[in-house]
Amino acid sequence: VDSYVTEPDQKKMVEAAVRGMVGSLEDPYTVYLTPEDLK
């Protein structure tokens, strides 16, 4: 956030970190659902 050449999308960064954490389980049935995914 402080030094990258262009200003990052912080929401995307956090969501990518969450998906990476869930993805480390290597379980396709464990998934993060965003508020948009829930409906």
PDB file of all heavy atoms in Angstrom:
ATOM      1  N   VAL A   1       0.831  -1.201   0.000  1.00  0.00           N
ATOM      2  CA  VAL A   1       0.000   0.000   0.000  1.00  0.00           C
ATOM      3  C   VAL A   1       0.867   1.254   0.000  1.00  0.00           C
ATOM      4  O   VAL A   1       0.564   2.255  -0.659  1.00  0.00           O
ATOM      5  CB  VAL A   1      -0.947  -0.002   1.223  1.00  0.00           C
ATOM      6  CG1 VAL A   1      -1.671   1.336   1.355  1.00  0.00           C
ATOM      7  CG2 VAL A   1      -1.964  -1.132   1.092  1.00  0.00           C
ATOM      8  N   ASP A   2       1.994   1.184   0.709  1.00  0.00           N
ATOM      9  CA  ASP A   2       2.849   2.361   0.875  1.00  0.00           C
ATOM     10  C   ASP A   2       3.744   2.613  -0.338  1.00  0.00           C
ATOM     11  O   ASP A   2       3.995   3.772  -0.697  1.00  0.00           O
ATOM     12  CB  ASP A   2       3.723   2.176   2.125  1.00  0.00           C
ATOM     13  CG  ASP A   2       4.509   3.435   2.465  1.00  0.00           C
ATOM     14  OD1 ASP A   2       3.870   4.479   2.704  1.00  0.00           O
ATOM     15  OD2 ASP A   2       5.759   3.361   2.476  1.00  0.00           O
ATOM     16  N   SER A   3       4.231   1.553  -1.005  1.00  0.00           N
ATOM     17  CA  SER A   3       5.326   1.738  -1.962  1.00  0.00           C
ATOM     18  C   SER A   3       5.061   1.237  -3.377  1.00  0.00           C
ATOM     19  O   SER A   3       5.879   1.480  -4.268  1.00  0.00           O
ATOM     20  CB  SER A   3       6.589   1.035  -1.425  1.00  0.00           C
ATOM     21  OG  SER A   3       6.925   1.504  -0.146  1.00  0.00           O
ATOM     22  N   TYR A   4       3.986   0.469  -3.616  1.00  0.00           N
ATOM     23  CA  TYR A   4       3.779  -0.077  -4.960  1.00  0.00           C
ATOM     24  C   TYR A   4       3.586   1.060  -5.958  1.00  0.00           C
ATOM     25  O   TYR A   4       3.056   2.127  -5.630  1.00  0.00           O
ATOM     26  CB  TYR A   4       2.575  -1.022  -4.977  1.00  0.00           C
ATOM     27  CG  TYR A   4       2.411  -1.752  -6.290  1.00  0.00           C
ATOM     28  CD1 TYR A   4       3.362  -2.661  -6.712  1.00  0.00           C
ATOM     29  CD2 TYR A   4       1.328  -1.490  -7.127  1.00  0.00           C
ATOM     30  CE1 TYR A   4       3.242  -3.319  -7.932  1.00  0.00           C
ATOM     31  CE2 TYR A   4       1.189  -2.145  -8.336  1.00  0.00           C
ATOM     32  CZ  TYR A   4       2.159  -3.057  -8.738  1.00  0.00           C
ATOM     33  OH  TYR A   4       2.037  -3.685  -9.950  1.00  0.00           O
ATOM     34  N   VAL A   5       4.018   0.844  -7.209  1.00  0.00           N
ATOM     35  CA  VAL A   5       4.074   1.899  -8.207  1.00  0.00           C
ATOM     36  C   VAL A   5       2.718   2.545  -8.465  1.00  0.00           C
ATOM     37  O   VAL A   5       2.623   3.747  -8.740  1.00  0.00           O
ATOM     38  CB  VAL A   5       4.685   1.351  -9.521  1.00  0.00           C
ATOM     39  CG1 VAL A   5       3.828   0.253 -10.112  1.00  0.00           C
ATOM     40  CG2 VAL A   5       4.915   2.477 -10.527  1.00  0.00           C
ATOM     41  N   THR A   6       1.650   1.769  -8.423  1.00  0.00           N
ATOM     42  CA  THR A   6       0.297   2.328  -8.506  1.00  0.00           C
ATOM     43  C   THR A   6      -0.468   1.916  -7.250  1.00  0.00           C
ATOM     44  O   THR A   6      -0.119   0.941  -6.577  1.00  0.00           O
ATOM     45  CB  THR A   6      -0.458   1.811  -9.746  1.00  0.00           C
ATOM     46  OG1 THR A   6      -0.534   0.383  -9.676  1.00  0.00           O
ATOM     47  CG2 THR A   6       0.259   2.220 -11.028  1.00  0.00           C
ATOM     48  N   GLU A   7      -1.521   2.665  -6.939  1.00  0.00           N
ATOM     49  CA  GLU A   7      -2.247   2.390  -5.696  1.00  0.00           C
ATOM     50  C   GLU A   7      -3.030   1.081  -5.817  1.00  0.00           C
ATOM     51  O   GLU A   7      -3.866   0.939  -6.711  1.00  0.00           O
ATOM     52  CB  GLU A   7      -3.211   3.530  -5.374  1.00  0.00           C
ATOM     53  CG  GLU A   7      -3.898   3.350  -4.032  1.00  0.00           C
ATOM     54  CD  GLU A   7      -4.725   4.568  -3.645  1.00  0.00           C
ATOM     55  OE1 GLU A   7      -4.657   5.602  -4.344  1.00  0.00           O
ATOM     56  OE2 GLU A   7      -5.445   4.476  -2.637  1.00  0.00           O
ATOM     57  N   PRO A   8      -2.747   0.113  -4.939  1.00  0.00           N
ATOM     58  CA  PRO A   8      -3.434  -1.188  -5.023  1.00  0.00           C
ATOM     59  C   PRO A   8      -4.887  -1.095  -4.581  1.00  0.00           C
ATOM     60  O   PRO A   8      -5.275  -0.199  -3.815  1.00  0.00           O
ATOM     61  CB  PRO A   8      -2.638  -2.076  -4.060  1.00  0.00           C
ATOM     62  CG  PRO A   8      -1.409  -1.307  -3.695  1.00  0.00           C
ATOM     63  CD  PRO A   8      -1.750   0.126  -3.860  1.00  0.00           C
ATOM     64  N   ASP A   9      -5.685  -2.030  -5.066  1.00  0.00           N
ATOM     65  CA  ASP A   9      -7.063  -2.194  -4.601  1.00  0.00           C
ATOM     66  C   ASP A   9      -7.008  -3.027  -3.322  1.00  0.00           C
ATOM     67  O   ASP A   9      -6.813  -4.246  -3.362  1.00  0.00           O
ATOM     68  CB  ASP A   9      -7.899  -2.903  -5.674  1.00  0.00           C
ATOM     69  CG  ASP A   9      -9.370  -3.008  -5.310  1.00  0.00           C
ATOM     70  OD1 ASP A   9      -9.669  -3.140  -4.103  1.00  0.00           O
ATOM     71  OD2 ASP A   9     -10.212  -2.998  -6.218  1.00  0.00           O
ATOM     72  N   GLN A  10      -7.171  -2.373  -2.178  1.00  0.00           N
ATOM     73  CA  GLN A  10      -6.967  -3.061  -0.899  1.00  0.00           C
ATOM     74  C   GLN A  10      -8.023  -4.135  -0.649  1.00  0.00           C
ATOM     75  O   GLN A  10      -7.738  -5.159  -0.025  1.00  0.00           O
ATOM     76  CB  GLN A  10      -6.951  -2.045   0.244  1.00  0.00           C
ATOM     77  CG  GLN A  10      -5.777  -1.079   0.153  1.00  0.00           C
ATOM     78  CD  GLN A  10      -5.627  -0.235   1.391  1.00  0.00           C
ATOM     79  OE1 GLN A  10      -5.674  -0.748   2.509  1.00  0.00           O
ATOM     80  NE2 GLN A  10      -5.449   1.076   1.197  1.00  0.00           N
ATOM     81  N   LYS A  11      -9.228  -3.915  -1.145  1.00  0.00           N
ATOM     82  CA  LYS A  11     -10.267  -4.933  -0.978  1.00  0.00           C
ATOM     83  C   LYS A  11      -9.872  -6.203  -1.727  1.00  0.00           C
ATOM     84  O   LYS A  11     -10.015  -7.326  -1.221  1.00  0.00           O
ATOM     85  CB  LYS A  11     -11.603  -4.416  -1.503  1.00  0.00           C
ATOM     86  CG  LYS A  11     -12.750  -5.417  -1.331  1.00  0.00           C
ATOM     87  CD  LYS A  11     -14.054  -4.860  -1.883  1.00  0.00           C
ATOM     88  CE  LYS A  11     -15.162  -5.906  -1.766  1.00  0.00           C
ATOM     89  NZ  LYS A  11     -16.437  -5.412  -2.352  1.00  0.00           N
ATOM     90  N   LYS A  12      -9.348  -6.034  -2.943  1.00  0.00           N
ATOM     91  CA  LYS A  12      -8.894  -7.186  -3.723  1.00  0.00           C
ATOM     92  C   LYS A  12      -7.754  -7.916  -3.029  1.00  0.00           C
ATOM     93  O   LYS A  12      -7.675  -9.140  -3.033  1.00  0.00           O
ATOM     94  CB  LYS A  12      -8.435  -6.737  -5.109  1.00  0.00           C
ATOM     95  CG  LYS A  12      -9.504  -6.772  -6.182  1.00  0.00           C
ATOM     96  CD  LYS A  12      -8.859  -6.506  -7.531  1.00  0.00           C
ATOM     97  CE  LYS A  12      -9.912  -6.591  -8.632  1.00  0.00           C
ATOM     98  NZ  LYS A  12      -9.302  -6.360  -9.957  1.00  0.00           N
ATOM     99  N   MET A  13      -6.846  -7.141  -2.428  1.00  0.00           N
ATOM    100  CA  MET A  13      -5.703  -7.738  -1.748  1.00  0.00           C
ATOM    101  C   MET A  13      -6.144  -8.625  -0.597  1.00  0.00           C
ATOM    102  O   MET A  13      -5.675  -9.758  -0.442  1.00  0.00           O
ATOM    103  CB  MET A  13      -4.759  -6.636  -1.232  1.00  0.00           C
ATOM    104  CG  MET A  13      -3.993  -5.921  -2.324  1.00  0.00           C
ATOM    105  SD  MET A  13      -3.126  -4.466  -1.694  1.00  0.00           S
ATOM    106  CE  MET A  13      -2.077  -5.222  -0.457  1.00  0.00           C
ATOM    107  N   VAL A  14      -7.074  -8.123   0.214  1.00  0.00           N
ATOM    108  CA  VAL A  14      -7.547  -8.892   1.367  1.00  0.00           C
ATOM    109  C   VAL A  14      -8.292 -10.138   0.907  1.00  0.00           C
ATOM    110  O   VAL A  14      -8.087 -11.240   1.427  1.00  0.00           O
ATOM    111  CB  VAL A  14      -8.442  -8.015   2.271  1.00  0.00           C
ATOM    112  CG1 VAL A  14      -9.088  -8.861   3.361  1.00  0.00           C
ATOM    113  CG2 VAL A  14      -7.630  -6.885   2.882  1.00  0.00           C
ATOM    114  N   GLU A  15      -9.141  -9.975  -0.109  1.00  0.00           N
ATOM    115  CA  GLU A  15      -9.904 -11.117  -0.597  1.00  0.00           C
ATOM    116  C   GLU A  15      -8.981 -12.185  -1.184  1.00  0.00           C
ATOM    117  O   GLU A  15      -9.185 -13.389  -0.986  1.00  0.00           O
ATOM    118  CB  GLU A  15     -10.914 -10.660  -1.647  1.00  0.00           C
ATOM    119  CG  GLU A  15     -11.868 -11.761  -2.069  1.00  0.00           C
ATOM    120  CD  GLU A  15     -12.981 -11.254  -2.972  1.00  0.00           C
ATOM    121  OE1 GLU A  15     -13.601 -10.229  -2.625  1.00  0.00           O
ATOM    122  OE2 GLU A  15     -13.217 -11.884  -4.020  1.00  0.00           O
ATOM    123  N   ALA A  16      -7.916 -11.742  -1.889  1.00  0.00           N
ATOM    124  CA  ALA A  16      -6.952 -12.693  -2.449  1.00  0.00           C
ATOM    125  C   ALA A  16      -6.209 -13.430  -1.339  1.00  0.00           C
ATOM    126  O   ALA A  16      -5.932 -14.629  -1.447  1.00  0.00           O
ATOM    127  CB  ALA A  16      -5.966 -11.968  -3.343  1.00  0.00           C
ATOM    128  N   ALA A  17      -5.891 -12.718  -0.248  1.00  0.00           N
ATOM    129  CA  ALA A  17      -5.219 -13.363   0.886  1.00  0.00           C
ATOM    130  C   ALA A  17      -6.123 -14.410   1.515  1.00  0.00           C
ATOM    131  O   ALA A  17      -5.676 -15.511   1.868  1.00  0.00           O
ATOM    132  CB  ALA A  17      -4.824 -12.314   1.924  1.00  0.00           C
ATOM    133  N   VAL A  18      -7.421 -14.086   1.644  1.00  0.00           N
ATOM    134  CA  VAL A  18      -8.376 -15.035   2.209  1.00  0.00           C
ATOM    135  C   VAL A  18      -8.493 -16.259   1.316  1.00  0.00           C
ATOM    136  O   VAL A  18      -8.450 -17.406   1.790  1.00  0.00           O
ATOM    137  CB  VAL A  18      -9.752 -14.361   2.400  1.00  0.00           C
ATOM    138  CG1 VAL A  18     -10.813 -15.397   2.759  1.00  0.00           C
ATOM    139  CG2 VAL A  18      -9.677 -13.293   3.483  1.00  0.00           C
ATOM    140  N   ARG A  19      -8.623 -16.047   0.010  1.00  0.00           N
ATOM    141  CA  ARG A  19      -8.768 -17.176  -0.909  1.00  0.00           C
ATOM    142  C   ARG A  19      -7.498 -18.029  -0.924  1.00  0.00           C
ATOM    143  O   ARG A  19      -7.559 -19.250  -1.067  1.00  0.00           O
ATOM    144  CB  ARG A  19      -9.100 -16.679  -2.315  1.00  0.00           C
ATOM    145  CG  ARG A  19     -10.482 -16.025  -2.424  1.00  0.00           C
ATOM    146  CD  ARG A  19     -10.929 -15.883  -3.862  1.00  0.00           C
ATOM    147  NE  ARG A  19     -12.167 -15.130  -3.962  1.00  0.00           N
ATOM    148  CZ  ARG A  19     -13.374 -15.628  -3.770  1.00  0.00           C
ATOM    149  NH1 ARG A  19     -13.501 -16.900  -3.424  1.00  0.00           N
ATOM    150  NH2 ARG A  19     -14.450 -14.883  -3.892  1.00  0.00           N
ATOM    151  N   GLY A  20      -6.343 -17.372  -0.777  1.00  0.00           N
ATOM    152  CA  GLY A  20      -5.099 -18.122  -0.704  1.00  0.00           C
ATOM    153  C   GLY A  20      -5.039 -18.993   0.538  1.00  0.00           C
ATOM    154  O   GLY A  20      -4.582 -20.145   0.489  1.00  0.00           O
ATOM    155  N   MET A  21      -5.524 -18.459   1.663  1.00  0.00           N
ATOM    156  CA  MET A  21      -5.541 -19.213   2.907  1.00  0.00           C
ATOM    157  C   MET A  21      -6.457 -20.435   2.781  1.00  0.00           C
ATOM    158  O   MET A  21      -6.092 -21.553   3.156  1.00  0.00           O
ATOM    159  CB  MET A  21      -6.034 -18.308   4.050  1.00  0.00           C
ATOM    160  CG  MET A  21      -5.617 -18.770   5.418  1.00  0.00           C
ATOM    161  SD  MET A  21      -6.109 -17.652   6.772  1.00  0.00           S
ATOM    162  CE  MET A  21      -6.458 -16.108   5.993  1.00  0.00           C
ATOM    163  N   VAL A  22      -7.637 -20.215   2.216  1.00  0.00           N
ATOM    164  CA  VAL A  22      -8.580 -21.317   2.020  1.00  0.00           C
ATOM    165  C   VAL A  22      -8.025 -22.309   0.990  1.00  0.00           C
ATOM    166  O   VAL A  22      -8.109 -23.533   1.169  1.00  0.00           O
ATOM    167  CB  VAL A  22      -9.950 -20.776   1.566  1.00  0.00           C
ATOM    168  CG1 VAL A  22     -10.890 -21.922   1.192  1.00  0.00           C
ATOM    169  CG2 VAL A  22     -10.580 -19.933   2.670  1.00  0.00           C
ATOM    170  N   GLY A  23      -7.403 -21.791  -0.065  1.00  0.00           N
ATOM    171  CA  GLY A  23      -6.862 -22.648  -1.112  1.00  0.00           C
ATOM    172  C   GLY A  23      -5.735 -23.539  -0.638  1.00  0.00           C
ATOM    173  O   GLY A  23      -5.508 -24.613  -1.207  1.00  0.00           O
ATOM    174  N   SER A  24      -5.031 -23.125   0.428  1.00  0.00           N
ATOM    175  CA  SER A  24      -3.926 -23.933   0.936  1.00  0.00           C
ATOM    176  C   SER A  24      -4.399 -25.277   1.481  1.00  0.00           C
ATOM    177  O   SER A  24      -3.612 -26.215   1.626  1.00  0.00           O
ATOM    178  CB  SER A  24      -3.171 -23.172   2.028  1.00  0.00           C
ATOM    179  OG  SER A  24      -3.955 -23.064   3.217  1.00  0.00           O
ATOM    180  N   LEU A  25      -5.694 -25.393   1.785  1.00  0.00           N
ATOM    181  CA  LEU A  25      -6.255 -26.660   2.275  1.00  0.00           C
ATOM    182  C   LEU A  25      -6.398 -27.688   1.152  1.00  0.00           C
ATOM    183  O   LEU A  25      -6.562 -28.881   1.421  1.00  0.00           O
ATOM    184  CB  LEU A  25      -7.631 -26.416   2.911  1.00  0.00           C
ATOM    185  CG  LEU A  25      -7.666 -25.444   4.086  1.00  0.00           C
ATOM    186  CD1 LEU A  25      -9.112 -25.164   4.504  1.00  0.00           C
ATOM    187  CD2 LEU A  25      -6.872 -25.985   5.266  1.00  0.00           C
ATOM    188  N   GLU A  26      -6.355 -27.206  -0.103  1.00  0.00           N
ATOM    189  CA  GLU A  26      -6.508 -28.077  -1.272  1.00  0.00           C
ATOM    190  C   GLU A  26      -7.785 -28.910  -1.190  1.00  0.00           C
ATOM    191  O   GLU A  26      -7.805 -30.095  -1.505  1.00  0.00           O
ATOM    192  CB  GLU A  26      -5.271 -28.976  -1.439  1.00  0.00           C
ATOM    193  CG  GLU A  26      -4.000 -28.189  -1.684  1.00  0.00           C
ATOM    194  CD  GLU A  26      -2.779 -29.053  -1.909  1.00  0.00           C
ATOM    195  OE1 GLU A  26      -2.869 -30.279  -1.691  1.00  0.00           O
ATOM    196  OE2 GLU A  26      -1.738 -28.514  -2.324  1.00  0.00           O
ATOM    197  N   ASP A  27      -8.845 -28.245  -0.752  1.00  0.00           N
ATOM    198  CA  ASP A  27     -10.162 -28.878  -0.642  1.00  0.00           C
ATOM    199  C   ASP A  27     -11.141 -28.056  -1.475  1.00  0.00           C
ATOM    200  O   ASP A  27     -11.505 -26.944  -1.083  1.00  0.00           O
ATOM    201  CB  ASP A  27     -10.612 -28.913   0.822  1.00  0.00           C
ATOM    202  CG  ASP A  27     -12.028 -29.454   1.002  1.00  0.00           C
ATOM    203  OD1 ASP A  27     -12.608 -29.944   0.008  1.00  0.00           O
ATOM    204  OD2 ASP A  27     -12.563 -29.377   2.127  1.00  0.00           O
ATOM    205  N   PRO A  28     -11.579 -28.561  -2.636  1.00  0.00           N
ATOM    206  CA  PRO A  28     -12.460 -27.765  -3.499  1.00  0.00           C
ATOM    207  C   PRO A  28     -13.821 -27.481  -2.888  1.00  0.00           C
ATOM    208  O   PRO A  28     -14.559 -26.631  -3.394  1.00  0.00           O
ATOM    209  CB  PRO A  28     -12.593 -28.639  -4.755  1.00  0.00           C
ATOM    210  CG  PRO A  28     -12.314 -30.029  -4.297  1.00  0.00           C
ATOM    211  CD  PRO A  28     -11.292 -29.894  -3.207  1.00  0.00           C
ATOM    212  N   TYR A  29     -14.166 -28.184  -1.811  1.00  0.00           N
ATOM    213  CA  TYR A  29     -15.484 -28.005  -1.200  1.00  0.00           C
ATOM    214  C   TYR A  29     -15.475 -26.990  -0.060  1.00  0.00           C
ATOM    215  O   TYR A  29     -16.527 -26.633   0.470  1.00  0.00           O
ATOM    216  CB  TYR A  29     -16.009 -29.355  -0.702  1.00  0.00           C
ATOM    217  CG  TYR A  29     -15.991 -30.420  -1.774  1.00  0.00           C
ATOM    218  CD1 TYR A  29     -15.059 -31.452  -1.762  1.00  0.00           C
ATOM    219  CD2 TYR A  29     -16.885 -30.362  -2.836  1.00  0.00           C
ATOM    220  CE1 TYR A  29     -15.021 -32.405  -2.757  1.00  0.00           C
ATOM    221  CE2 TYR A  29     -16.861 -31.311  -3.843  1.00  0.00           C
ATOM    222  CZ  TYR A  29     -15.924 -32.340  -3.803  1.00  0.00           C
ATOM    223  OH  TYR A  29     -15.899 -33.274  -4.802  1.00  0.00           O
ATOM    224  N   THR A  30     -14.287 -26.529   0.348  1.00  0.00           N
ATOM    225  CA  THR A  30     -14.180 -25.459   1.334  1.00  0.00           C
ATOM    226  C   THR A  30     -13.893 -24.167   0.585  1.00  0.00           C
ATOM    227  O   THR A  30     -12.840 -24.034  -0.043  1.00  0.00           O
ATOM    228  CB  THR A  30     -13.064 -25.745   2.352  1.00  0.00           C
ATOM    229  OG1 THR A  30     -13.398 -26.907   3.111  1.00  0.00           O
ATOM    230  CG2 THR A  30     -12.880 -24.576   3.303  1.00  0.00           C
ATOM    231  N   VAL A  31     -14.842 -23.235   0.621  1.00  0.00           N
ATOM    232  CA  VAL A  31     -14.706 -22.007  -0.168  1.00  0.00           C
ATOM    233  C   VAL A  31     -15.183 -20.799   0.628  1.00  0.00           C
ATOM    234  O   VAL A  31     -16.074 -20.892   1.483  1.00  0.00           O
ATOM    235  CB  VAL A  31     -15.505 -22.084  -1.495  1.00  0.00           C
ATOM    236  CG1 VAL A  31     -14.921 -23.126  -2.427  1.00  0.00           C
ATOM    237  CG2 VAL A  31     -16.975 -22.374  -1.234  1.00  0.00           C
ATOM    238  N   TYR A  32     -14.567 -19.658   0.338  1.00  0.00           N
ATOM    239  CA  TYR A  32     -15.007 -18.386   0.897  1.00  0.00           C
ATOM    240  C   TYR A  32     -16.086 -17.813  -0.002  1.00  0.00           C
ATOM    241  O   TYR A  32     -15.942 -17.758  -1.227  1.00  0.00           O
ATOM    242  CB  TYR A  32     -13.828 -17.423   1.002  1.00  0.00           C
ATOM    243  CG  TYR A  32     -14.230 -15.983   1.237  1.00  0.00           C
ATOM    244  CD1 TYR A  32     -14.963 -15.616   2.372  1.00  0.00           C
ATOM    245  CD2 TYR A  32     -13.888 -14.990   0.313  1.00  0.00           C
ATOM    246  CE1 TYR A  32     -15.337 -14.300   2.574  1.00  0.00           C
ATOM    247  CE2 TYR A  32     -14.252 -13.669   0.521  1.00  0.00           C
ATOM    248  CZ  TYR A  32     -14.985 -13.331   1.653  1.00  0.00           C
ATOM    249  OH  TYR A  32     -15.357 -12.021   1.860  1.00  0.00           O
ATOM    250  N   LEU A  33     -17.194 -17.389   0.601  1.00  0.00           N
ATOM    251  CA  LEU A  33     -18.304 -16.807  -0.138  1.00  0.00           C
ATOM    252  C   LEU A  33     -18.391 -15.326   0.198  1.00  0.00           C
ATOM    253  O   LEU A  33     -18.616 -14.962   1.363  1.00  0.00           O
ATOM    254  CB  LEU A  33     -19.628 -17.495   0.230  1.00  0.00           C
ATOM    255  CG  LEU A  33     -19.698 -19.009  -0.005  1.00  0.00           C
ATOM    256  CD1 LEU A  33     -20.945 -19.584   0.651  1.00  0.00           C
ATOM    257  CD2 LEU A  33     -19.691 -19.316  -1.484  1.00  0.00           C
ATOM    258  N   THR A  34     -18.190 -14.469  -0.792  1.00  0.00           N
ATOM    259  CA  THR A  34     -18.340 -13.039  -0.577  1.00  0.00           C
ATOM    260  C   THR A  34     -19.830 -12.719  -0.398  1.00  0.00           C
ATOM    261  O   THR A  34     -20.690 -13.541  -0.732  1.00  0.00           O
ATOM    262  CB  THR A  34     -17.789 -12.247  -1.774  1.00  0.00           C
ATOM    263  OG1 THR A  34     -18.633 -12.524  -2.911  1.00  0.00           O
ATOM    264  CG2 THR A  34     -16.355 -12.647  -2.086  1.00  0.00           C
ATOM    265  N   PRO A  35     -20.143 -11.519   0.093  1.00  0.00           N
ATOM    266  CA  PRO A  35     -21.573 -11.144   0.181  1.00  0.00           C
ATOM    267  C   PRO A  35     -22.276 -11.260  -1.166  1.00  0.00           C
ATOM    268  O   PRO A  35     -23.451 -11.639  -1.227  1.00  0.00           O
ATOM    269  CB  PRO A  35     -21.513  -9.699   0.675  1.00  0.00           C
ATOM    270  CG  PRO A  35     -20.249  -9.630   1.477  1.00  0.00           C
ATOM    271  CD  PRO A  35     -19.277 -10.503   0.731  1.00  0.00           C
ATOM    272  N   GLU A  36     -21.531 -10.975  -2.258  1.00  0.00           N
ATOM    273  CA  GLU A  36     -22.132 -11.092  -3.593  1.00  0.00           C
ATOM    274  C   GLU A  36     -22.386 -12.551  -3.970  1.00  0.00           C
ATOM    275  O   GLU A  36     -23.314 -12.867  -4.717  1.00  0.00           O
ATOM    276  CB  GLU A  36     -21.215 -10.446  -4.639  1.00  0.00           C
ATOM    277  CG  GLU A  36     -21.068  -8.934  -4.515  1.00  0.00           C
ATOM    278  CD  GLU A  36     -20.119  -8.529  -3.387  1.00  0.00           C
ATOM    279  OE1 GLU A  36     -19.332  -9.396  -2.927  1.00  0.00           O
ATOM    280  OE2 GLU A  36     -20.186  -7.369  -2.949  1.00  0.00           O
ATOM    281  N   ASP A  37     -21.536 -13.468  -3.452  1.00  0.00           N
ATOM    282  CA  ASP A  37     -21.688 -14.890  -3.756  1.00  0.00           C
ATOM    283  C   ASP A  37     -22.886 -15.519  -3.047  1.00  0.00           C
ATOM    284  O   ASP A  37     -23.410 -16.551  -3.483  1.00  0.00           O
ATOM    285  CB  ASP A  37     -20.442 -15.669  -3.314  1.00  0.00           C
ATOM    286  CG  ASP A  37     -19.207 -15.313  -4.123  1.00  0.00           C
ATOM    287  OD1 ASP A  37     -19.370 -14.914  -5.289  1.00  0.00           O
ATOM    288  OD2 ASP A  37     -18.096 -15.435  -3.580  1.00  0.00           O
ATOM    289  N   LEU A  38     -23.296 -14.928  -1.925  1.00  0.00           N
ATOM    290  CA  LEU A  38     -24.260 -15.595  -1.049  1.00  0.00           C
ATOM    291  C   LEU A  38     -25.642 -15.754  -1.678  1.00  0.00           C
ATOM    292  O   LEU A  38     -26.293 -16.774  -1.488  1.00  0.00           O
ATOM    293  CB  LEU A  38     -24.389 -14.842   0.278  1.00  0.00           C
ATOM    294  CG  LEU A  38     -23.277 -15.112   1.285  1.00  0.00           C
ATOM    295  CD1 LEU A  38     -23.419 -14.201   2.499  1.00  0.00           C
ATOM    296  CD2 LEU A  38     -23.300 -16.567   1.721  1.00  0.00           C
ATOM    297  N   LYS A  39     -26.090 -14.762  -2.438  1.00  0.00           N
ATOM    298  CA  LYS A  39     -27.449 -14.849  -2.991  1.00  0.00           C
ATOM    299  C   LYS A  39     -27.616 -16.027  -3.942  1.00  0.00           C
ATOM    300  O   LYS A  39     -28.530 -16.845  -3.772  1.00  0.00           O
ATOM    301  CB  LYS A  39     -27.822 -13.533  -3.668  1.00  0.00           C
ATOM    302  CG  LYS A  39     -28.083 -12.411  -2.670  1.00  0.00           C
ATOM    303  CD  LYS A  39     -28.525 -11.137  -3.373  1.00  0.00           C
ATOM    304  CE  LYS A  39     -28.786 -10.026  -2.351  1.00  0.00           C
ATOM    305  NZ  LYS A  39     -29.194  -8.752  -3.015  1.00  0.00           N
TER     306      LYS A  39
END
